[in-house]
């Protein structure tokens, strides 16, 4: 691998890392929003820690993927008509 190829590959890896970091921050923010919603519904604060935080982040990621899938299906349906 030439130095130019190595540098290009490192830039690609760094860009991917930045993308994943931004996505993680978004998921954490969405998990915190779920925490606030749950606290409001229950009438008291339930802090998200450890496995509960991971589960909330997973729910937020699933919801995000679902929204993207629905959007894609709507676009495909509109393109057919």
PDB file of N, CA and C in Angstrom:
ATOM      1  N   UNK A   1       0.855  -1.170   0.000  1.00  0.00           N
ATOM      2  CA  UNK A   1       0.000   0.000   0.000  1.00  0.00           C
ATOM      3  C   UNK A   1       0.901   1.234   0.000  1.00  0.00           C
ATOM      4  N   UNK A   2       0.638   2.121  -0.924  1.00  0.00           N
ATOM      5  CA  UNK A   2       1.450   3.331  -1.025  1.00  0.00           C
ATOM      6  C   UNK A   2       1.043   4.313   0.075  1.00  0.00           C
ATOM      7  N   UNK A   3       1.905   5.273   0.354  1.00  0.00           N
ATOM      8  CA  UNK A   3       1.554   6.274   1.368  1.00  0.00           C
ATOM      9  C   UNK A   3       0.267   7.032   1.024  1.00  0.00           C
ATOM     10  N   UNK A   4       0.046   7.309  -0.245  1.00  0.00           N
ATOM     11  CA  UNK A   4      -1.179   8.016  -0.647  1.00  0.00           C
ATOM     12  C   UNK A   4      -2.409   7.149  -0.387  1.00  0.00           C
ATOM     13  N   UNK A   5      -2.305   5.862  -0.697  1.00  0.00           N
ATOM     14  CA  UNK A   5      -3.419   4.947  -0.450  1.00  0.00           C
ATOM     15  C   UNK A   5      -3.687   4.823   1.047  1.00  0.00           C
ATOM     16  N   UNK A   6      -2.614   4.739   1.816  1.00  0.00           N
ATOM     17  CA  UNK A   6      -2.749   4.633   3.266  1.00  0.00           C
ATOM     18  C   UNK A   6      -3.425   5.884   3.830  1.00  0.00           C
ATOM     19  N   UNK A   7      -2.996   7.048   3.353  1.00  0.00           N
ATOM     20  CA  UNK A   7      -3.579   8.302   3.826  1.00  0.00           C
ATOM     21  C   UNK A   7      -5.064   8.381   3.462  1.00  0.00           C
ATOM     22  N   UNK A   8      -5.400   7.960   2.242  1.00  0.00           N
ATOM     23  CA  UNK A   8      -6.799   7.972   1.813  1.00  0.00           C
ATOM     24  C   UNK A   8      -7.631   7.024   2.678  1.00  0.00           C
ATOM     25  N   UNK A   9      -7.088   5.845   2.940  1.00  0.00           N
ATOM     26  CA  UNK A   9      -7.800   4.860   3.766  1.00  0.00           C
ATOM     27  C   UNK A   9      -7.999   5.383   5.194  1.00  0.00           C
ATOM     28  N   UNK A  10      -6.980   6.034   5.733  1.00  0.00           N
ATOM     29  CA  UNK A  10      -7.101   6.610   7.077  1.00  0.00           C
ATOM     30  C   UNK A  10      -8.165   7.701   7.115  1.00  0.00           C
ATOM     31  N   UNK A  11      -8.245   8.511   6.050  1.00  0.00           N
ATOM     32  CA  UNK A  11      -9.290   9.540   5.986  1.00  0.00           C
ATOM     33  C   UNK A  11     -10.673   8.899   5.933  1.00  0.00           C
ATOM     34  N   UNK A  12     -10.807   7.802   5.175  1.00  0.00           N
ATOM     35  CA  UNK A  12     -12.087   7.097   5.101  1.00  0.00           C
ATOM     36  C   UNK A  12     -12.478   6.543   6.471  1.00  0.00           C
ATOM     37  N   UNK A  13     -11.516   5.944   7.147  1.00  0.00           N
ATOM     38  CA  UNK A  13     -11.779   5.383   8.477  1.00  0.00           C
ATOM     39  C   UNK A  13     -12.172   6.489   9.449  1.00  0.00           C
ATOM     40  N   UNK A  14     -11.467   7.616   9.385  1.00  0.00           N
ATOM     41  CA  UNK A  14     -11.769   8.730  10.276  1.00  0.00           C
ATOM     42  C   UNK A  14     -13.163   9.289  10.000  1.00  0.00           C
ATOM     43  N   UNK A  15     -13.532   9.386   8.730  1.00  0.00           N
ATOM     44  CA  UNK A  15     -14.866   9.879   8.378  1.00  0.00           C
ATOM     45  C   UNK A  15     -15.940   8.925   8.893  1.00  0.00           C
ATOM     46  N   UNK A  16     -15.699   7.631   8.771  1.00  0.00           N
ATOM     47  CA  UNK A  16     -16.654   6.632   9.268  1.00  0.00           C
ATOM     48  C   UNK A  16     -16.781   6.714  10.789  1.00  0.00           C
ATOM     49  N   UNK A  17     -15.653   6.907  11.472  1.00  0.00           N
ATOM     50  CA  UNK A  17     -15.672   7.045  12.926  1.00  0.00           C
ATOM     51  C   UNK A  17     -16.488   8.268  13.330  1.00  0.00           C
ATOM     52  N   UNK A  18     -16.282   9.380  12.636  1.00  0.00           N
ATOM     53  CA  UNK A  18     -17.036  10.597  12.938  1.00  0.00           C
ATOM     54  C   UNK A  18     -18.535  10.376  12.719  1.00  0.00           C
ATOM     55  N   UNK A  19     -18.873   9.677  11.646  1.00  0.00           N
ATOM     56  CA  UNK A  19     -20.272   9.377  11.349  1.00  0.00           C
ATOM     57  C   UNK A  19     -20.893   8.531  12.455  1.00  0.00           C
ATOM     58  N   UNK A  20     -20.181   7.497  12.881  1.00  0.00           N
ATOM     59  CA  UNK A  20     -20.690   6.625  13.939  1.00  0.00           C
ATOM     60  C   UNK A  20     -20.795   7.359  15.269  1.00  0.00           C
ATOM     61  N   UNK A  21     -19.839   8.237  15.542  1.00  0.00           N
ATOM     62  CA  UNK A  21     -19.883   9.024  16.776  1.00  0.00           C
ATOM     63  C   UNK A  21     -21.105   9.937  16.779  1.00  0.00           C
ATOM     64  N   UNK A  22     -21.374  10.571  15.644  1.00  0.00           N
ATOM     65  CA  UNK A  22     -22.548  11.440  15.542  1.00  0.00           C
ATOM     66  C   UNK A  22     -23.831  10.634  15.709  1.00  0.00           C
ATOM     67  N   UNK A  23     -23.877   9.446  15.107  1.00  0.00           N
ATOM     68  CA  UNK A  23     -25.058   8.593  15.243  1.00  0.00           C
ATOM     69  C   UNK A  23     -25.249   8.156  16.695  1.00  0.00           C
ATOM     70  N   UNK A  24     -24.154   7.837  17.375  1.00  0.00           N
ATOM     71  CA  UNK A  24     -24.235   7.446  18.782  1.00  0.00           C
ATOM     72  C   UNK A  24     -24.757   8.593  19.633  1.00  0.00           C
ATOM     73  N   UNK A  25     -24.277   9.806  19.368  1.00  0.00           N
ATOM     74  CA  UNK A  25     -24.764  10.967  20.119  1.00  0.00           C
ATOM     75  C   UNK A  25     -26.256  11.173  19.896  1.00  0.00           C
ATOM     76  N   UNK A  26     -26.701  10.970  18.654  1.00  0.00           N
ATOM     77  CA  UNK A  26     -28.123  11.097  18.344  1.00  0.00           C
ATOM     78  C   UNK A  26     -28.933  10.057  19.103  1.00  0.00           C
ATOM     79  N   UNK A  27     -28.445   8.821  19.112  1.00  0.00           N
ATOM     80  CA  UNK A  27     -29.165   7.756  19.817  1.00  0.00           C
ATOM     81  C   UNK A  27     -29.219   8.014  21.318  1.00  0.00           C
ATOM     82  N   UNK A  28     -28.137   8.524  21.877  1.00  0.00           N
ATOM     83  CA  UNK A  28     -28.138   8.843  23.307  1.00  0.00           C
ATOM     84  C   UNK A  28     -29.147   9.953  23.593  1.00  0.00           C
ATOM     85  N   UNK A  29     -29.201  10.960  22.718  1.00  0.00           N
ATOM     86  CA  UNK A  29     -30.172  12.042  22.905  1.00  0.00           C
ATOM     87  C   UNK A  29     -31.599  11.507  22.816  1.00  0.00           C
ATOM     88  N   UNK A  30     -31.841  10.602  21.863  1.00  0.00           N
ATOM     89  CA  UNK A  30     -33.176  10.011  21.740  1.00  0.00           C
ATOM     90  C   UNK A  30     -33.503   9.146  22.954  1.00  0.00           C
ATOM     91  N   UNK A  31     -32.507   8.446  23.480  1.00  0.00           N
ATOM     92  CA  UNK A  31     -32.724   7.640  24.686  1.00  0.00           C
ATOM     93  C   UNK A  31     -33.055   8.542  25.869  1.00  0.00           C
ATOM     94  N   UNK A  32     -32.389   9.675  25.967  1.00  0.00           N
ATOM     95  CA  UNK A  32     -32.687  10.623  27.049  1.00  0.00           C
ATOM     96  C   UNK A  32     -34.101  11.178  26.900  1.00  0.00           C
ATOM     97  N   UNK A  33     -34.520  11.411  25.657  1.00  0.00           N
ATOM     98  CA  UNK A  33     -35.889  11.884  25.433  1.00  0.00           C
ATOM     99  C   UNK A  33     -36.891  10.825  25.883  1.00  0.00           C
ATOM    100  N   UNK A  34     -36.590   9.555  25.595  1.00  0.00           N
ATOM    101  CA  UNK A  34     -37.452   8.472  26.079  1.00  0.00           C
ATOM    102  C   UNK A  34     -37.472   8.433  27.600  1.00  0.00           C
ATOM    103  N   UNK A  35     -36.316   8.681  28.213  1.00  0.00           N
ATOM    104  CA  UNK A  35     -36.233   8.713  29.675  1.00  0.00           C
ATOM    105  C   UNK A  35     -37.134   9.814  30.226  1.00  0.00           C
ATOM    106  N   UNK A  36     -37.077  10.989  29.609  1.00  0.00           N
ATOM    107  CA  UNK A  36     -37.910  12.104  30.068  1.00  0.00           C
ATOM    108  C   UNK A  36     -39.390  11.793  29.898  1.00  0.00           C
ATOM    109  N   UNK A  37     -39.739  11.184  28.758  1.00  0.00           N
ATOM    110  CA  UNK A  37     -41.134  10.822  28.511  1.00  0.00           C
ATOM    111  C   UNK A  37     -41.612   9.785  29.528  1.00  0.00           C
ATOM    112  N   UNK A  38     -40.772   8.800  29.806  1.00  0.00           N
ATOM    113  CA  UNK A  38     -41.125   7.766  30.781  1.00  0.00           C
ATOM    114  C   UNK A  38     -41.268   8.377  32.173  1.00  0.00           C
ATOM    115  N   UNK A  39     -40.349   9.256  32.539  1.00  0.00           N
ATOM    116  CA  UNK A  39     -40.410   9.895  33.853  1.00  0.00           C
ATOM    117  C   UNK A  39     -41.694  10.698  34.002  1.00  0.00           C
ATOM    118  N   UNK A  40     -42.059  11.415  32.939  1.00  0.00           N
ATOM    119  CA  UNK A  40     -43.281  12.214  32.984  1.00  0.00           C
ATOM    120  C   UNK A  40     -44.493  11.307  33.144  1.00  0.00           C
ATOM    121  N   UNK A  41     -44.522  10.195  32.390  1.00  0.00           N
ATOM    122  CA  UNK A  41     -45.667   9.279  32.447  1.00  0.00           C
ATOM    123  C   UNK A  41     -45.773   8.593  33.809  1.00  0.00           C
ATOM    124  N   UNK A  42     -44.636   8.267  34.408  1.00  0.00           N
ATOM    125  CA  UNK A  42     -44.640   7.553  35.684  1.00  0.00           C
ATOM    126  C   UNK A  42     -44.764   8.496  36.869  1.00  0.00           C
ATOM    127  N   UNK A  43     -44.471   9.754  36.655  1.00  0.00           N
ATOM    128  CA  UNK A  43     -44.576  10.718  37.735  1.00  0.00           C
ATOM    129  C   UNK A  43     -43.309  10.863  38.557  1.00  0.00           C
ATOM    130  N   UNK A  44     -42.266  10.137  38.205  1.00  0.00           N
ATOM    131  CA  UNK A  44     -40.979  10.293  38.887  1.00  0.00           C
ATOM    132  C   UNK A  44     -39.857   9.921  37.929  1.00  0.00           C
ATOM    133  N   UNK A  45     -38.680  10.389  38.264  1.00  0.00           N
ATOM    134  CA  UNK A  45     -37.529  10.201  37.382  1.00  0.00           C
ATOM    135  C   UNK A  45     -36.909   8.824  37.570  1.00  0.00           C
ATOM    136  N   UNK A  46     -36.699   8.153  36.437  1.00  0.00           N
ATOM    137  CA  UNK A  46     -36.024   6.861  36.429  1.00  0.00           C
ATOM    138  C   UNK A  46     -34.778   7.032  35.563  1.00  0.00           C
ATOM    139  N   UNK A  47     -33.604   7.190  36.174  1.00  0.00           N
ATOM    140  CA  UNK A  47     -32.406   7.429  35.371  1.00  0.00           C
ATOM    141  C   UNK A  47     -32.023   6.209  34.537  1.00  0.00           C
ATOM    142  N   UNK A  48     -31.547   6.499  33.332  1.00  0.00           N
ATOM    143  CA  UNK A  48     -31.090   5.425  32.453  1.00  0.00           C
ATOM    144  C   UNK A  48     -29.610   5.185  32.702  1.00  0.00           C
ATOM    145  N   UNK A  49     -29.297   3.950  33.072  1.00  0.00           N
ATOM    146  CA  UNK A  49     -27.899   3.575  33.299  1.00  0.00           C
ATOM    147  C   UNK A  49     -27.687   2.164  32.791  1.00  0.00           C
ATOM    148  N   UNK A  50     -26.495   1.894  32.377  1.00  0.00           N
ATOM    149  CA  UNK A  50     -26.100   0.537  32.009  1.00  0.00           C
ATOM    150  C   UNK A  50     -26.997  -0.099  30.978  1.00  0.00           C
ATOM    151  N   UNK A  51     -27.515  -1.266  31.320  1.00  0.00           N
ATOM    152  CA  UNK A  51     -28.320  -2.056  30.389  1.00  0.00           C
ATOM    153  C   UNK A  51     -29.607  -1.334  30.000  1.00  0.00           C
ATOM    154  N   UNK A  52     -30.171  -0.550  30.911  1.00  0.00           N
ATOM    155  CA  UNK A  52     -31.405   0.173  30.607  1.00  0.00           C
ATOM    156  C   UNK A  52     -31.134   1.248  29.558  1.00  0.00           C
ATOM    157  N   UNK A  53     -29.997   1.932  29.663  1.00  0.00           N
ATOM    158  CA  UNK A  53     -29.618   2.930  28.663  1.00  0.00           C
ATOM    159  C   UNK A  53     -29.403   2.262  27.308  1.00  0.00           C
ATOM    160  N   UNK A  54     -28.727   1.129  27.307  1.00  0.00           N
ATOM    161  CA  UNK A  54     -28.479   0.405  26.058  1.00  0.00           C
ATOM    162  C   UNK A  54     -29.805  -0.029  25.431  1.00  0.00           C
ATOM    163  N   UNK A  55     -30.736  -0.508  26.241  1.00  0.00           N
ATOM    164  CA  UNK A  55     -32.048  -0.916  25.726  1.00  0.00           C
ATOM    165  C   UNK A  55     -32.797   0.279  25.139  1.00  0.00           C
ATOM    166  N   UNK A  56     -32.720   1.431  25.805  1.00  0.00           N
ATOM    167  CA  UNK A  56     -33.384   2.632  25.292  1.00  0.00           C
ATOM    168  C   UNK A  56     -32.748   3.081  23.984  1.00  0.00           C
ATOM    169  N   UNK A  57     -31.423   2.996  23.898  1.00  0.00           N
ATOM    170  CA  UNK A  57     -30.735   3.345  22.654  1.00  0.00           C
ATOM    171  C   UNK A  57     -31.140   2.382  21.545  1.00  0.00           C
ATOM    172  N   UNK A  58     -31.289   1.111  21.879  1.00  0.00           N
ATOM    173  CA  UNK A  58     -31.710   0.120  20.891  1.00  0.00           C
ATOM    174  C   UNK A  58     -33.119   0.428  20.392  1.00  0.00           C
ATOM    175  N   UNK A  59     -34.026   0.783  21.314  1.00  0.00           N
ATOM    176  CA  UNK A  59     -35.389   1.144  20.905  1.00  0.00           C
ATOM    177  C   UNK A  59     -35.371   2.371  20.001  1.00  0.00           C
ATOM    178  N   UNK A  60     -34.533   3.344  20.339  1.00  0.00           N
ATOM    179  CA  UNK A  60     -34.437   4.550  19.519  1.00  0.00           C
ATOM    180  C   UNK A  60     -33.894   4.217  18.130  1.00  0.00           C
ATOM    181  N   UNK A  61     -32.909   3.320  18.060  1.00  0.00           N
ATOM    182  CA  UNK A  61     -32.340   2.926  16.765  1.00  0.00           C
ATOM    183  C   UNK A  61     -33.370   2.182  15.927  1.00  0.00           C
ATOM    184  N   UNK A  62     -34.139   1.303  16.555  1.00  0.00           N
ATOM    185  CA  UNK A  62     -35.179   0.557  15.835  1.00  0.00           C
ATOM    186  C   UNK A  62     -36.232   1.525  15.300  1.00  0.00           C
ATOM    187  N   UNK A  63     -36.630   2.482  16.115  1.00  0.00           N
ATOM    188  CA  UNK A  63     -37.622   3.467  15.676  1.00  0.00           C
ATOM    189  C   UNK A  63     -37.083   4.285  14.509  1.00  0.00           C
ATOM    190  N   UNK A  64     -35.813   4.647  14.574  1.00  0.00           N
ATOM    191  CA  UNK A  64     -35.191   5.425  13.502  1.00  0.00           C
ATOM    192  C   UNK A  64     -35.161   4.614  12.205  1.00  0.00           C
ATOM    193  N   UNK A  65     -34.789   3.334  12.289  1.00  0.00           N
ATOM    194  CA  UNK A  65     -34.764   2.473  11.099  1.00  0.00           C
ATOM    195  C   UNK A  65     -36.170   2.287  10.546  1.00  0.00           C
ATOM    196  N   UNK A  66     -37.146   2.129  11.441  1.00  0.00           N
ATOM    197  CA  UNK A  66     -38.535   1.964  11.002  1.00  0.00           C
ATOM    198  C   UNK A  66     -38.998   3.202  10.236  1.00  0.00           C
ATOM    199  N   UNK A  67     -38.697   4.387  10.769  1.00  0.00           N
ATOM    200  CA  UNK A  67     -39.074   5.626  10.093  1.00  0.00           C
ATOM    201  C   UNK A  67     -38.429   5.716   8.716  1.00  0.00           C
ATOM    202  N   UNK A  68     -37.165   5.313   8.615  1.00  0.00           N
ATOM    203  CA  UNK A  68     -36.467   5.337   7.328  1.00  0.00           C
ATOM    204  C   UNK A  68     -37.096   4.342   6.357  1.00  0.00           C
ATOM    205  N   UNK A  69     -37.470   3.166   6.843  1.00  0.00           N
ATOM    206  CA  UNK A  69     -38.114   2.159   5.989  1.00  0.00           C
ATOM    207  C   UNK A  69     -39.465   2.655   5.483  1.00  0.00           C
ATOM    208  N   UNK A  70     -40.249   3.264   6.355  1.00  0.00           N
ATOM    209  CA  UNK A  70     -41.553   3.793   5.959  1.00  0.00           C
ATOM    210  C   UNK A  70     -41.371   4.878   4.910  1.00  0.00           C
ATOM    211  N   UNK A  71     -40.402   5.758   5.114  1.00  0.00           N
ATOM    212  CA  UNK A  71     -40.129   6.829   4.155  1.00  0.00           C
ATOM    213  C   UNK A  71     -39.746   6.241   2.799  1.00  0.00           C
ATOM    214  N   UNK A  72     -38.897   5.233   2.802  1.00  0.00           N
ATOM    215  CA  UNK A  72     -38.460   4.594   1.565  1.00  0.00           C
ATOM    216  C   UNK A  72     -39.642   3.925   0.852  1.00  0.00           C
ATOM    217  N   UNK A  73     -40.511   3.255   1.592  1.00  0.00           N
ATOM    218  CA  UNK A  73     -41.688   2.628   0.990  1.00  0.00           C
ATOM    219  C   UNK A  73     -42.631   3.667   0.388  1.00  0.00           C
ATOM    220  N   UNK A  74     -42.798   4.785   1.071  1.00  0.00           N
ATOM    221  CA  UNK A  74     -43.658   5.848   0.541  1.00  0.00           C
ATOM    222  C   UNK A  74     -43.088   6.421  -0.747  1.00  0.00           C
ATOM    223  N   UNK A  75     -41.767   6.600  -0.787  1.00  0.00           N
ATOM    224  CA  UNK A  75     -41.139   7.105  -2.006  1.00  0.00           C
ATOM    225  C   UNK A  75     -41.308   6.120  -3.150  1.00  0.00           C
ATOM    226  N   UNK A  76     -41.129   4.834  -2.873  1.00  0.00           N
ATOM    227  CA  UNK A  76     -41.279   3.812  -3.910  1.00  0.00           C
ATOM    228  C   UNK A  76     -42.716   3.767  -4.409  1.00  0.00           C
ATOM    229  N   UNK A  77     -43.663   3.899  -3.502  1.00  0.00           N
ATOM    230  CA  UNK A  77     -45.070   3.886  -3.879  1.00  0.00           C
ATOM    231  C   UNK A  77     -45.410   5.108  -4.730  1.00  0.00           C
ATOM    232  N   UNK A  78     -44.899   6.257  -4.353  1.00  0.00           N
ATOM    233  CA  UNK A  78     -45.152   7.483  -5.109  1.00  0.00           C
ATOM    234  C   UNK A  78     -44.513   7.410  -6.494  1.00  0.00           C
ATOM    235  N   UNK A  79     -43.359   6.772  -6.588  1.00  0.00           N
ATOM    236  CA  UNK A  79     -42.669   6.655  -7.875  1.00  0.00           C
ATOM    237  C   UNK A  79     -43.453   5.764  -8.833  1.00  0.00           C
ATOM    238  N   UNK A  80     -44.149   4.780  -8.298  1.00  0.00           N
ATOM    239  CA  UNK A  80     -44.945   3.884  -9.148  1.00  0.00           C
ATOM    240  C   UNK A  80     -46.136   4.596  -9.759  1.00  0.00           C
ATOM    241  N   UNK A  81     -46.699   5.550  -9.057  1.00  0.00           N
ATOM    242  CA  UNK A  81     -47.886   6.237  -9.556  1.00  0.00           C
ATOM    243  C   UNK A  81     -47.449   7.428 -10.334  1.00  0.00           C
TER     244      UNK A  81
END
